[in-house]
C-alpha cells in the first residue's frame, strides 16, 4: 500500500513542480524587488519589532543568550512558515476546483505543493537570518557553532507538522468555508502563545506557562535557536515530543483527507 502511494506521488512529481513554479511566478510577478523581498521583509519587520518589544519587555541579551533581534528573527522564521503553509493549504482544494472537476488528480498534491512553496520562502528568509547572525558575529555578540548545519531538523519537522495541519484544514474548508476566517483568529492567538517576542522564562509564575509548553511550535522554535545560535543539540524530550506530535497530526490529517476526498466534488 505504501509502495503504491510512493509510486503515485512520483508519477505526479512534474505536476508538483509545475504548480510550485506557477505560485512562484505569481507571487513575484510585476514586483520590482522580486525574490529579494523575501529577504528584506523579515529584516524590516525585525527592525520594527526589536525597536518596540526590546524596550517594552526590557529583555537583555544575557537573559536569552543572544541579541533580541536574533531571538526574534529566528522564532519568526518558523512561525511565519507555519502560518503561510497552513493558510495557503487551507484553500488549496477549493481554489483548484476547476482543475479537479476536469481531470483526475491526487488531491493531496495541492496541499503538499503549498507547503513546499512555503518551505522555499522560508529558505529564502533564512538567508536574511544568516545575514543578521553574520552582523552580530562581526560585533562579537554571537558565536557560530557547528550545530548550525543541523537546523534542517526543526525545519523539516515543522514542514511535516504543517502538511498534517494543512490536510485537516483543507478538508474542513471544503465543507465549512468559515474555517478560513476562524483560522486567522486562531493563528493570531497561536502567535502570542509562541515565545517569539518574549522568552518563556518570564511565564514561569503565570497561569499560561503550561499552555505555551503544550504548543508544538514552541519546541520547533526553541530547537532552531539552540542549533543556530546557542550551539546546543535539542534535548531528547524535545525531539520525542516533536516526533510524536508530527506523527499523529500527519496520520490524522491523511486519514481525514482520504476519507473525505471522494465527497469534495460535491462541495467545491
C-alpha atoms as a PDB file:
ATOM      1  CA  UNK A   1       0.000   0.000   0.000  1.00  0.00           C
ATOM      2  CA  UNK A   2       2.777   2.423   0.962  1.00  0.00           C
ATOM      3  CA  UNK A   3       4.711   1.497  -2.187  1.00  0.00           C
ATOM      4  CA  UNK A   4       1.639   2.285  -4.267  1.00  0.00           C
ATOM      5  CA  UNK A   5       1.320   5.762  -2.748  1.00  0.00           C
ATOM      6  CA  UNK A   6       5.015   6.454  -3.289  1.00  0.00           C
ATOM      7  CA  UNK A   7       4.782   5.424  -6.930  1.00  0.00           C
ATOM      8  CA  UNK A   8       1.690   7.578  -7.361  1.00  0.00           C
ATOM      9  CA  UNK A   9       3.463  10.556  -5.789  1.00  0.00           C
ATOM     10  CA  UNK A  10       6.484  10.121  -8.067  1.00  0.00           C
ATOM     11  CA  UNK A  11       4.163   9.928 -11.067  1.00  0.00           C
ATOM     12  CA  UNK A  12       2.734  13.378 -10.299  1.00  0.00           C
ATOM     13  CA  UNK A  13       6.048  14.987  -9.331  1.00  0.00           C
ATOM     14  CA  UNK A  14       6.163  17.015 -12.596  1.00  0.00           C
ATOM     15  CA  UNK A  15       2.757  18.484 -11.687  1.00  0.00           C
ATOM     16  CA  UNK A  16       4.096  19.379  -8.257  1.00  0.00           C
ATOM     17  CA  UNK A  17       6.994  21.282  -9.805  1.00  0.00           C
ATOM     18  CA  UNK A  18       4.647  22.960 -12.283  1.00  0.00           C
ATOM     19  CA  UNK A  19       2.283  24.164  -9.542  1.00  0.00           C
ATOM     20  CA  UNK A  20       5.183  25.380  -7.396  1.00  0.00           C
ATOM     21  CA  UNK A  21       6.661  27.235 -10.354  1.00  0.00           C
ATOM     22  CA  UNK A  22       3.264  28.816 -11.039  1.00  0.00           C
ATOM     23  CA  UNK A  23       2.925  30.078  -7.462  1.00  0.00           C
ATOM     24  CA  UNK A  24       6.480  31.387  -7.507  1.00  0.00           C
ATOM     25  CA  UNK A  25       5.874  33.357 -10.701  1.00  0.00           C
ATOM     26  CA  UNK A  26       2.526  34.692  -9.466  1.00  0.00           C
ATOM     27  CA  UNK A  27       3.980  35.882  -6.168  1.00  0.00           C
ATOM     28  CA  UNK A  28       6.822  37.844  -7.731  1.00  0.00           C
ATOM     29  CA  UNK A  29       5.112  38.930 -10.944  1.00  0.00           C
ATOM     30  CA  UNK A  30       5.424  42.693 -11.524  1.00  0.00           C
ATOM     31  CA  UNK A  31       7.451  43.004  -8.351  1.00  0.00           C
ATOM     32  CA  UNK A  32      10.420  45.361  -8.615  1.00  0.00           C
ATOM     33  CA  UNK A  33      12.383  43.681  -5.806  1.00  0.00           C
ATOM     34  CA  UNK A  34      11.203  40.178  -6.699  1.00  0.00           C
ATOM     35  CA  UNK A  35      12.830  37.388  -4.684  1.00  0.00           C
ATOM     36  CA  UNK A  36      14.867  39.980  -2.787  1.00  0.00           C
ATOM     37  CA  UNK A  37      11.687  40.998  -0.984  1.00  0.00           C
ATOM     38  CA  UNK A  38      11.523  37.604   0.741  1.00  0.00           C
ATOM     39  CA  UNK A  39      14.811  38.508   2.396  1.00  0.00           C
ATOM     40  CA  UNK A  40      14.113  42.202   3.025  1.00  0.00           C
ATOM     41  CA  UNK A  41      10.655  41.675   4.534  1.00  0.00           C
ATOM     42  CA  UNK A  42      11.796  39.730   7.633  1.00  0.00           C
ATOM     43  CA  UNK A  43      14.662  42.186   8.138  1.00  0.00           C
ATOM     44  CA  UNK A  44      12.369  45.217   8.101  1.00  0.00           C
ATOM     45  CA  UNK A  45       9.858  43.588  10.463  1.00  0.00           C
ATOM     46  CA  UNK A  46      12.739  42.559  12.731  1.00  0.00           C
ATOM     47  CA  UNK A  47      13.907  46.172  12.996  1.00  0.00           C
ATOM     48  CA  UNK A  48      10.418  47.369  13.970  1.00  0.00           C
ATOM     49  CA  UNK A  49       9.681  44.561  16.425  1.00  0.00           C
ATOM     50  CA  UNK A  50      13.129  44.788  18.016  1.00  0.00           C
ATOM     51  CA  UNK A  51      12.806  48.552  18.437  1.00  0.00           C
ATOM     52  CA  UNK A  52       9.442  48.201  20.193  1.00  0.00           C
ATOM     53  CA  UNK A  53       9.495  44.951  22.169  1.00  0.00           C
ATOM     54  CA  UNK A  54      13.107  45.059  23.351  1.00  0.00           C
ATOM     55  CA  UNK A  55      12.250  48.347  25.038  1.00  0.00           C
ATOM     56  CA  UNK A  56       8.811  47.321  26.358  1.00  0.00           C
ATOM     57  CA  UNK A  57       9.907  43.937  27.699  1.00  0.00           C
ATOM     58  CA  UNK A  58      13.370  45.162  28.708  1.00  0.00           C
ATOM     59  CA  UNK A  59      14.866  41.847  27.629  1.00  0.00           C
ATOM     60  CA  UNK A  60      18.651  41.747  27.853  1.00  0.00           C
ATOM     61  CA  UNK A  61      20.881  39.596  25.663  1.00  0.00           C
ATOM     62  CA  UNK A  62      22.295  37.998  28.812  1.00  0.00           C
ATOM     63  CA  UNK A  63      18.779  36.818  29.761  1.00  0.00           C
ATOM     64  CA  UNK A  64      18.093  34.985  26.494  1.00  0.00           C
ATOM     65  CA  UNK A  65      21.615  34.045  25.432  1.00  0.00           C
ATOM     66  CA  UNK A  66      21.535  36.128  22.254  1.00  0.00           C
ATOM     67  CA  UNK A  67      20.682  39.644  20.977  1.00  0.00           C
ATOM     68  CA  UNK A  68      16.937  40.302  20.892  1.00  0.00           C
ATOM     69  CA  UNK A  69      16.996  40.815  17.100  1.00  0.00           C
ATOM     70  CA  UNK A  70      18.416  37.303  16.639  1.00  0.00           C
ATOM     71  CA  UNK A  71      15.961  35.915  19.183  1.00  0.00           C
ATOM     72  CA  UNK A  72      13.013  37.385  17.271  1.00  0.00           C
ATOM     73  CA  UNK A  73      14.006  36.663  13.685  1.00  0.00           C
ATOM     74  CA  UNK A  74      14.842  33.002  14.368  1.00  0.00           C
ATOM     75  CA  UNK A  75      11.488  32.458  16.082  1.00  0.00           C
ATOM     76  CA  UNK A  76       9.503  34.297  13.409  1.00  0.00           C
ATOM     77  CA  UNK A  77      11.174  32.198  10.697  1.00  0.00           C
ATOM     78  CA  UNK A  78       9.428  29.053  11.947  1.00  0.00           C
ATOM     79  CA  UNK A  79       6.089  30.657  12.806  1.00  0.00           C
ATOM     80  CA  UNK A  80       5.795  32.605   9.535  1.00  0.00           C
ATOM     81  CA  UNK A  81       6.424  29.411   7.592  1.00  0.00           C
ATOM     82  CA  UNK A  82       3.761  27.532   9.539  1.00  0.00           C
ATOM     83  CA  UNK A  83       1.287  30.400   9.149  1.00  0.00           C
ATOM     84  CA  UNK A  84       1.837  30.719   5.396  1.00  0.00           C
ATOM     85  CA  UNK A  85       1.859  26.965   4.748  1.00  0.00           C
ATOM     86  CA  UNK A  86      -1.356  26.224   6.632  1.00  0.00           C
ATOM     87  CA  UNK A  87      -3.228  29.309   5.412  1.00  0.00           C
ATOM     88  CA  UNK A  88      -2.475  28.551   1.769  1.00  0.00           C
ATOM     89  CA  UNK A  89      -3.089  24.807   2.187  1.00  0.00           C
ATOM     90  CA  UNK A  90      -6.482  25.527   3.694  1.00  0.00           C
ATOM     91  CA  UNK A  91      -7.901  26.782   0.370  1.00  0.00           C
ATOM     92  CA  UNK A  92      -5.740  24.581  -1.876  1.00  0.00           C
ATOM     93  CA  UNK A  93      -8.569  22.208  -2.835  1.00  0.00           C
ATOM     94  CA  UNK A  94     -11.272  24.863  -3.180  1.00  0.00           C
ATOM     95  CA  UNK A  95      -9.115  27.203  -5.272  1.00  0.00           C
ATOM     96  CA  UNK A  96      -8.260  24.378  -7.704  1.00  0.00           C
ATOM     97  CA  UNK A  97     -11.881  23.258  -8.090  1.00  0.00           C
ATOM     98  CA  UNK A  98     -11.957  23.821 -11.857  1.00  0.00           C
ATOM     99  CA  UNK A  99      -8.912  21.587 -12.363  1.00  0.00           C
ATOM    100  CA  UNK A 100     -10.181  18.868 -10.006  1.00  0.00           C
ATOM    101  CA  UNK A 101     -13.560  18.764 -11.776  1.00  0.00           C
ATOM    102  CA  UNK A 102     -11.979  18.220 -15.187  1.00  0.00           C
ATOM    103  CA  UNK A 103      -9.278  15.604 -14.652  1.00  0.00           C
ATOM    104  CA  UNK A 104      -8.326  13.038 -12.049  1.00  0.00           C
ATOM    105  CA  UNK A 105      -5.535  14.175  -9.786  1.00  0.00           C
ATOM    106  CA  UNK A 106      -4.447  13.077  -6.319  1.00  0.00           C
ATOM    107  CA  UNK A 107      -5.916  15.976  -4.374  1.00  0.00           C
ATOM    108  CA  UNK A 108      -3.309  15.851  -1.630  1.00  0.00           C
ATOM    109  CA  UNK A 109      -0.766  17.112  -4.197  1.00  0.00           C
ATOM    110  CA  UNK A 110      -2.235  20.613  -3.873  1.00  0.00           C
ATOM    111  CA  UNK A 111      -1.665  20.709  -0.119  1.00  0.00           C
ATOM    112  CA  UNK A 112       1.843  19.314  -0.459  1.00  0.00           C
ATOM    113  CA  UNK A 113       2.634  21.923  -3.110  1.00  0.00           C
ATOM    114  CA  UNK A 114       1.506  24.819  -0.916  1.00  0.00           C
ATOM    115  CA  UNK A 115       3.677  23.578   1.951  1.00  0.00           C
ATOM    116  CA  UNK A 116       6.621  23.029  -0.415  1.00  0.00           C
ATOM    117  CA  UNK A 117       6.253  26.564  -1.792  1.00  0.00           C
ATOM    118  CA  UNK A 118       6.154  27.976   1.749  1.00  0.00           C
ATOM    119  CA  UNK A 119       9.275  25.937   2.529  1.00  0.00           C
ATOM    120  CA  UNK A 120      11.068  27.636  -0.360  1.00  0.00           C
ATOM    121  CA  UNK A 121      10.019  31.022   1.006  1.00  0.00           C
ATOM    122  CA  UNK A 122      11.309  30.040   4.445  1.00  0.00           C
ATOM    123  CA  UNK A 123      14.681  29.067   2.983  1.00  0.00           C
ATOM    124  CA  UNK A 124      14.875  32.449   1.244  1.00  0.00           C
ATOM    125  CA  UNK A 125      14.021  34.179   4.530  1.00  0.00           C
ATOM    126  CA  UNK A 126      16.687  32.071   6.243  1.00  0.00           C
ATOM    127  CA  UNK A 127      19.259  33.933   4.152  1.00  0.00           C
ATOM    128  CA  UNK A 128      18.161  37.121   5.932  1.00  0.00           C
ATOM    129  CA  UNK A 129      18.593  35.340   9.274  1.00  0.00           C
ATOM    130  CA  UNK A 130      22.143  34.363   8.302  1.00  0.00           C
ATOM    131  CA  UNK A 131      22.937  38.000   7.451  1.00  0.00           C
ATOM    132  CA  UNK A 132      21.693  39.058  10.884  1.00  0.00           C
ATOM    133  CA  UNK A 133      23.818  36.348  12.509  1.00  0.00           C
ATOM    134  CA  UNK A 134      26.845  37.463  10.498  1.00  0.00           C
ATOM    135  CA  UNK A 135      26.310  41.055  11.652  1.00  0.00           C
ATOM    136  CA  UNK A 136      26.335  40.041  15.320  1.00  0.00           C
ATOM    137  CA  UNK A 137      29.237  37.642  14.771  1.00  0.00           C
ATOM    138  CA  UNK A 138      31.287  40.565  13.451  1.00  0.00           C
ATOM    139  CA  UNK A 139      30.230  42.587  16.504  1.00  0.00           C
ATOM    140  CA  UNK A 140      31.366  39.724  18.714  1.00  0.00           C
ATOM    141  CA  UNK A 141      27.949  39.217  20.306  1.00  0.00           C
ATOM    142  CA  UNK A 142      27.190  35.844  18.686  1.00  0.00           C
ATOM    143  CA  UNK A 143      29.297  32.773  18.045  1.00  0.00           C
ATOM    144  CA  UNK A 144      28.516  30.399  15.183  1.00  0.00           C
ATOM    145  CA  UNK A 145      28.649  26.729  16.118  1.00  0.00           C
ATOM    146  CA  UNK A 146      28.849  23.547  14.056  1.00  0.00           C
ATOM    147  CA  UNK A 147      25.259  22.759  15.096  1.00  0.00           C
ATOM    148  CA  UNK A 148      24.041  25.387  12.627  1.00  0.00           C
ATOM    149  CA  UNK A 149      24.290  22.708   9.935  1.00  0.00           C
ATOM    150  CA  UNK A 150      21.544  20.759  11.730  1.00  0.00           C
ATOM    151  CA  UNK A 151      18.874  23.459  11.501  1.00  0.00           C
ATOM    152  CA  UNK A 152      17.143  21.349   8.858  1.00  0.00           C
ATOM    153  CA  UNK A 153      15.856  19.123  11.698  1.00  0.00           C
ATOM    154  CA  UNK A 154      13.342  21.601  13.228  1.00  0.00           C
ATOM    155  CA  UNK A 155      12.591  22.961   9.752  1.00  0.00           C
ATOM    156  CA  UNK A 156      11.721  19.517   8.400  1.00  0.00           C
ATOM    157  CA  UNK A 157       9.648  18.625  11.457  1.00  0.00           C
ATOM    158  CA  UNK A 158       7.723  21.895  11.107  1.00  0.00           C
ATOM    159  CA  UNK A 159       7.209  21.045   7.434  1.00  0.00           C
ATOM    160  CA  UNK A 160       5.676  17.652   8.328  1.00  0.00           C
ATOM    161  CA  UNK A 161       3.536  19.239  11.036  1.00  0.00           C
ATOM    162  CA  UNK A 162       2.312  21.884   8.561  1.00  0.00           C
ATOM    163  CA  UNK A 163       1.349  19.235   5.996  1.00  0.00           C
ATOM    164  CA  UNK A 164      -0.712  17.403   8.619  1.00  0.00           C
ATOM    165  CA  UNK A 165      -2.471  20.583   9.745  1.00  0.00           C
ATOM    166  CA  UNK A 166      -2.894  21.628   6.101  1.00  0.00           C
ATOM    167  CA  UNK A 167      -4.626  18.359   5.217  1.00  0.00           C
ATOM    168  CA  UNK A 168      -7.018  18.785   8.145  1.00  0.00           C
ATOM    169  CA  UNK A 169      -7.786  22.429   7.342  1.00  0.00           C
ATOM    170  CA  UNK A 170      -8.242  21.851   3.604  1.00  0.00           C
ATOM    171  CA  UNK A 171     -10.715  19.052   4.321  1.00  0.00           C
ATOM    172  CA  UNK A 172     -12.726  21.165   6.757  1.00  0.00           C
ATOM    173  CA  UNK A 173     -12.697  24.190   4.426  1.00  0.00           C
ATOM    174  CA  UNK A 174     -14.358  22.212   1.621  1.00  0.00           C
ATOM    175  CA  UNK A 175     -17.396  21.646   3.848  1.00  0.00           C
ATOM    176  CA  UNK A 176     -17.221  24.730   6.091  1.00  0.00           C
ATOM    177  CA  UNK A 177     -15.940  27.883   4.390  1.00  0.00           C
ATOM    178  CA  UNK A 178     -15.966  29.811   7.682  1.00  0.00           C
ATOM    179  CA  UNK A 179     -12.832  27.906   8.680  1.00  0.00           C
ATOM    180  CA  UNK A 180     -10.858  30.436   6.614  1.00  0.00           C
ATOM    181  CA  UNK A 181     -11.891  33.283   8.936  1.00  0.00           C
ATOM    182  CA  UNK A 182     -11.667  31.217  12.119  1.00  0.00           C
ATOM    183  CA  UNK A 183      -8.140  30.069  11.298  1.00  0.00           C
ATOM    184  CA  UNK A 184      -6.985  33.674  11.011  1.00  0.00           C
ATOM    185  CA  UNK A 185      -8.094  34.289  14.595  1.00  0.00           C
ATOM    186  CA  UNK A 186      -6.513  31.039  15.794  1.00  0.00           C
ATOM    187  CA  UNK A 187      -3.190  31.979  14.184  1.00  0.00           C
ATOM    188  CA  UNK A 188      -3.219  35.328  15.974  1.00  0.00           C
ATOM    189  CA  UNK A 189      -3.774  33.604  19.325  1.00  0.00           C
ATOM    190  CA  UNK A 190      -1.165  30.974  18.426  1.00  0.00           C
ATOM    191  CA  UNK A 191       1.354  33.724  17.642  1.00  0.00           C
ATOM    192  CA  UNK A 192       1.107  35.149  21.158  1.00  0.00           C
ATOM    193  CA  UNK A 193       1.294  31.672  22.693  1.00  0.00           C
ATOM    194  CA  UNK A 194       4.601  31.063  20.927  1.00  0.00           C
ATOM    195  CA  UNK A 195       7.737  32.566  22.551  1.00  0.00           C
ATOM    196  CA  UNK A 196       8.795  34.711  19.611  1.00  0.00           C
ATOM    197  CA  UNK A 197       8.943  38.204  21.133  1.00  0.00           C
ATOM    198  CA  UNK A 198       9.334  37.037  24.726  1.00  0.00           C
ATOM    199  CA  UNK A 199      11.386  34.338  26.466  1.00  0.00           C
ATOM    200  CA  UNK A 200       9.334  31.559  28.031  1.00  0.00           C
ATOM    201  CA  UNK A 201      11.133  32.135  31.335  1.00  0.00           C
ATOM    202  CA  UNK A 202       9.021  35.227  32.046  1.00  0.00           C
ATOM    203  CA  UNK A 203       5.921  32.989  32.148  1.00  0.00           C
ATOM    204  CA  UNK A 204       7.171  30.663  34.878  1.00  0.00           C
ATOM    205  CA  UNK A 205       4.997  32.259  37.534  1.00  0.00           C
ATOM    206  CA  UNK A 206       1.982  32.761  35.252  1.00  0.00           C
ATOM    207  CA  UNK A 207      -1.038  30.535  34.677  1.00  0.00           C
ATOM    208  CA  UNK A 208      -0.460  30.153  30.938  1.00  0.00           C
ATOM    209  CA  UNK A 209       3.039  28.662  31.153  1.00  0.00           C
ATOM    210  CA  UNK A 210       1.647  25.122  30.749  1.00  0.00           C
ATOM    211  CA  UNK A 211      -0.398  26.222  27.713  1.00  0.00           C
ATOM    212  CA  UNK A 212       2.713  27.518  25.947  1.00  0.00           C
ATOM    213  CA  UNK A 213       4.538  24.279  26.714  1.00  0.00           C
ATOM    214  CA  UNK A 214       1.715  22.334  25.037  1.00  0.00           C
ATOM    215  CA  UNK A 215       2.321  24.380  21.898  1.00  0.00           C
ATOM    216  CA  UNK A 216       4.299  22.284  19.345  1.00  0.00           C
ATOM    217  CA  UNK A 217       5.702  25.417  17.706  1.00  0.00           C
ATOM    218  CA  UNK A 218       7.426  26.333  20.962  1.00  0.00           C
ATOM    219  CA  UNK A 219       9.623  23.240  20.620  1.00  0.00           C
ATOM    220  CA  UNK A 220      10.366  23.838  16.929  1.00  0.00           C
ATOM    221  CA  UNK A 221      11.322  27.453  17.621  1.00  0.00           C
ATOM    222  CA  UNK A 222      13.391  26.619  20.686  1.00  0.00           C
ATOM    223  CA  UNK A 223      15.302  23.885  18.862  1.00  0.00           C
ATOM    224  CA  UNK A 224      16.067  26.160  15.915  1.00  0.00           C
ATOM    225  CA  UNK A 225      17.502  28.796  18.256  1.00  0.00           C
ATOM    226  CA  UNK A 226      19.514  26.168  20.113  1.00  0.00           C
ATOM    227  CA  UNK A 227      21.061  24.803  16.929  1.00  0.00           C
ATOM    228  CA  UNK A 228      21.546  28.079  15.093  1.00  0.00           C
ATOM    229  CA  UNK A 229      22.748  30.365  17.878  1.00  0.00           C
ATOM    230  CA  UNK A 230      23.429  28.589  21.167  1.00  0.00           C
ATOM    231  CA  UNK A 231      25.342  25.648  19.764  1.00  0.00           C
ATOM    232  CA  UNK A 232      23.219  23.183  21.698  1.00  0.00           C
ATOM    233  CA  UNK A 233      21.686  20.000  20.339  1.00  0.00           C
ATOM    234  CA  UNK A 234      17.938  19.656  21.121  1.00  0.00           C
ATOM    235  CA  UNK A 235      17.273  17.584  24.203  1.00  0.00           C
ATOM    236  CA  UNK A 236      15.778  14.125  23.750  1.00  0.00           C
ATOM    237  CA  UNK A 237      12.488  15.206  25.379  1.00  0.00           C
ATOM    238  CA  UNK A 238      12.009  17.914  22.752  1.00  0.00           C
ATOM    239  CA  UNK A 239      12.729  15.588  19.853  1.00  0.00           C
ATOM    240  CA  UNK A 240      10.400  12.949  21.272  1.00  0.00           C
ATOM    241  CA  UNK A 241       7.542  15.439  21.689  1.00  0.00           C
ATOM    242  CA  UNK A 242       8.075  16.837  18.207  1.00  0.00           C
ATOM    243  CA  UNK A 243       8.262  13.397  16.619  1.00  0.00           C
ATOM    244  CA  UNK A 244       5.101  12.145  18.347  1.00  0.00           C
ATOM    245  CA  UNK A 245       3.131  15.307  17.532  1.00  0.00           C
ATOM    246  CA  UNK A 246       4.217  15.290  13.874  1.00  0.00           C
ATOM    247  CA  UNK A 247       3.391  11.605  13.503  1.00  0.00           C
ATOM    248  CA  UNK A 248      -0.119  11.802  14.978  1.00  0.00           C
ATOM    249  CA  UNK A 249      -1.071  15.083  13.276  1.00  0.00           C
ATOM    250  CA  UNK A 250       0.183  13.821   9.912  1.00  0.00           C
ATOM    251  CA  UNK A 251      -1.523  10.424  10.255  1.00  0.00           C
ATOM    252  CA  UNK A 252      -4.788  12.013  11.354  1.00  0.00           C
ATOM    253  CA  UNK A 253      -4.578  14.540   8.516  1.00  0.00           C
ATOM    254  CA  UNK A 254      -4.016  11.803   5.922  1.00  0.00           C
ATOM    255  CA  UNK A 255      -6.835   9.692   7.376  1.00  0.00           C
ATOM    256  CA  UNK A 256      -9.332  12.585   7.438  1.00  0.00           C
ATOM    257  CA  UNK A 257      -8.393  13.795   3.954  1.00  0.00           C
ATOM    258  CA  UNK A 258      -8.511  10.315   2.402  1.00  0.00           C
ATOM    259  CA  UNK A 259     -11.883   9.563   3.969  1.00  0.00           C
ATOM    260  CA  UNK A 260     -13.492  12.813   2.776  1.00  0.00           C
ATOM    261  CA  UNK A 261     -11.823  13.415  -0.601  1.00  0.00           C
ATOM    262  CA  UNK A 262     -14.419  11.466  -2.630  1.00  0.00           C
ATOM    263  CA  UNK A 263     -17.071  13.928  -1.429  1.00  0.00           C
ATOM    264  CA  UNK A 264     -15.055  17.025  -2.368  1.00  0.00           C
ATOM    265  CA  UNK A 265     -16.508  17.114  -5.886  1.00  0.00           C
ATOM    266  CA  UNK A 266     -19.997  17.650  -4.449  1.00  0.00           C
ATOM    267  CA  UNK A 267     -18.997  20.704  -2.423  1.00  0.00           C
ATOM    268  CA  UNK A 268     -16.373  22.590  -4.426  1.00  0.00           C
END
